[in-house]
Amino acid sequence: MTTITINGYEPDCNCEHCGRPLKLGVVTDAKGTIGADCFVKLIARNTKRYSGNGKPGAERVREYALIVTRGTANRHGLYGAWNTFELAS
C-alpha cells in the first residue's frame, strides 16, 4: 500500500503531474506540488471514509492543504491520519 500525504499548499505554481498553472498547489510527500484535481485522480477509492464515489472533491483537498498549513486540524475536528490517502494502483 503506497500512500500520499498532504503537507501544505503553494500559491501560484505549476502542477508537477500535468504542468497546468495553479492558483493553489497541494504540496505532497510523494508527488511534489500537484493540483487538487490531479490529486483526486491519483488516490484510491475509500467508500468507508467518503460517500458517493469514495473520494473527496477537489475543493475539499484544497481546504485540507490550507488546514495543514495553518495547523488548525483540531479546530476542524480532524485527528489521526486524516491527510494521508492511498494511491490508486
Protein backbone atom coordinates (compact mmCIF):
# COMPACT_ATOMS: atom_id res chain seq x y z
CA MET A 1 0.00 0.00 0.00
CA THR A 2 1.59 3.24 -1.18
CA THR A 3 0.35 6.41 0.47
CA ILE A 4 0.38 10.12 -0.31
CA THR A 5 0.21 12.79 2.38
CA ILE A 6 -0.89 16.42 2.08
CA ASN A 7 1.87 18.59 3.60
CA GLY A 8 0.54 22.07 2.79
CA TYR A 9 0.00 24.35 -0.18
CA GLU A 10 1.97 26.58 -2.51
CA PRO A 11 0.37 29.62 -4.20
CA ASP A 12 0.87 30.45 -7.90
CA CYS A 13 2.80 27.41 -9.14
CA ASN A 14 2.62 24.71 -11.81
CA CYS A 15 1.32 21.16 -11.37
CA GLU A 16 4.17 18.62 -11.43
CA HIS A 17 1.71 15.96 -12.67
CA CYS A 18 0.19 17.68 -15.72
CA GLY A 19 2.04 21.03 -16.00
CA ARG A 20 -1.03 23.22 -15.58
CA PRO A 21 -0.63 26.66 -13.90
CA LEU A 22 -2.29 26.69 -10.47
CA LYS A 23 -3.55 29.37 -8.11
CA LEU A 24 -3.09 26.93 -5.21
CA GLY A 25 -0.93 23.81 -5.48
CA VAL A 26 -1.20 20.95 -2.99
CA VAL A 27 2.23 20.03 -1.58
CA THR A 28 2.57 16.24 -1.14
CA ASP A 29 5.31 13.95 0.09
CA ALA A 30 5.23 11.53 -2.85
CA LYS A 31 4.38 13.56 -5.98
CA GLY A 32 5.63 17.09 -5.21
CA THR A 33 3.29 20.04 -5.78
CA ILE A 34 0.21 19.00 -7.74
CA GLY A 35 -3.25 20.35 -8.43
CA ALA A 36 -6.24 19.24 -6.39
CA ASP A 37 -7.90 17.68 -9.46
CA CYS A 38 -4.77 15.62 -10.19
CA PHE A 39 -4.60 14.63 -6.50
CA VAL A 40 -8.16 13.26 -6.66
CA LYS A 41 -7.30 11.32 -9.84
CA LEU A 42 -4.25 9.73 -8.17
CA ILE A 43 -5.87 8.45 -4.96
CA ALA A 44 -7.78 5.20 -4.49
CA ARG A 45 -11.47 4.98 -3.63
CA ASN A 46 -12.39 4.69 0.04
CA THR A 47 -16.17 4.40 0.42
CA LYS A 48 -15.89 3.91 4.19
CA ARG A 49 -14.33 7.34 4.51
CA TYR A 50 -16.12 9.27 1.72
CA SER A 51 -19.61 8.73 0.34
CA GLY A 52 -20.54 8.75 -3.35
CA ASN A 53 -17.53 7.89 -5.49
CA GLY A 54 -15.30 7.25 -2.46
CA LYS A 55 -13.03 10.27 -2.96
CA PRO A 56 -13.00 13.81 -1.59
CA GLY A 57 -13.74 16.59 -4.05
CA ALA A 58 -11.03 18.93 -5.34
CA GLU A 59 -12.36 21.78 -3.19
CA ARG A 60 -12.09 19.58 -0.08
CA VAL A 61 -8.47 18.72 -0.99
CA ARG A 62 -7.69 22.46 -1.26
CA GLU A 63 -9.29 23.00 2.17
CA TYR A 64 -7.17 20.17 3.59
CA ALA A 65 -4.00 21.81 2.23
CA LEU A 66 -4.94 25.12 3.85
CA ILE A 67 -5.75 23.38 7.16
CA VAL A 68 -2.35 21.62 7.18
CA THR A 69 -0.51 24.88 6.50
CA ARG A 70 -2.40 26.79 9.20
CA GLY A 71 -2.12 23.93 11.71
CA THR A 72 -5.83 24.10 12.58
CA ALA A 73 -6.77 20.42 12.20
CA ASN A 74 -8.01 20.13 15.79
CA ARG A 75 -10.37 23.08 15.30
CA HIS A 76 -11.90 21.32 12.32
CA GLY A 77 -12.29 18.02 14.19
CA LEU A 78 -9.64 16.24 12.14
CA TYR A 79 -7.49 13.72 14.04
CA GLY A 80 -5.12 10.89 13.18
CA ALA A 81 -4.13 10.29 9.56
CA TRP A 82 -6.84 12.47 8.00
CA ASN A 83 -4.37 13.97 5.49
CA THR A 84 -2.97 10.60 4.31
CA PHE A 85 -4.51 8.78 1.35
CA GLU A 86 -3.80 5.53 -0.50
CA LEU A 87 -2.56 5.85 -4.09
CA ALA A 88 -4.51 4.01 -6.78
CA SER A 89 -2.59 1.18 -8.39
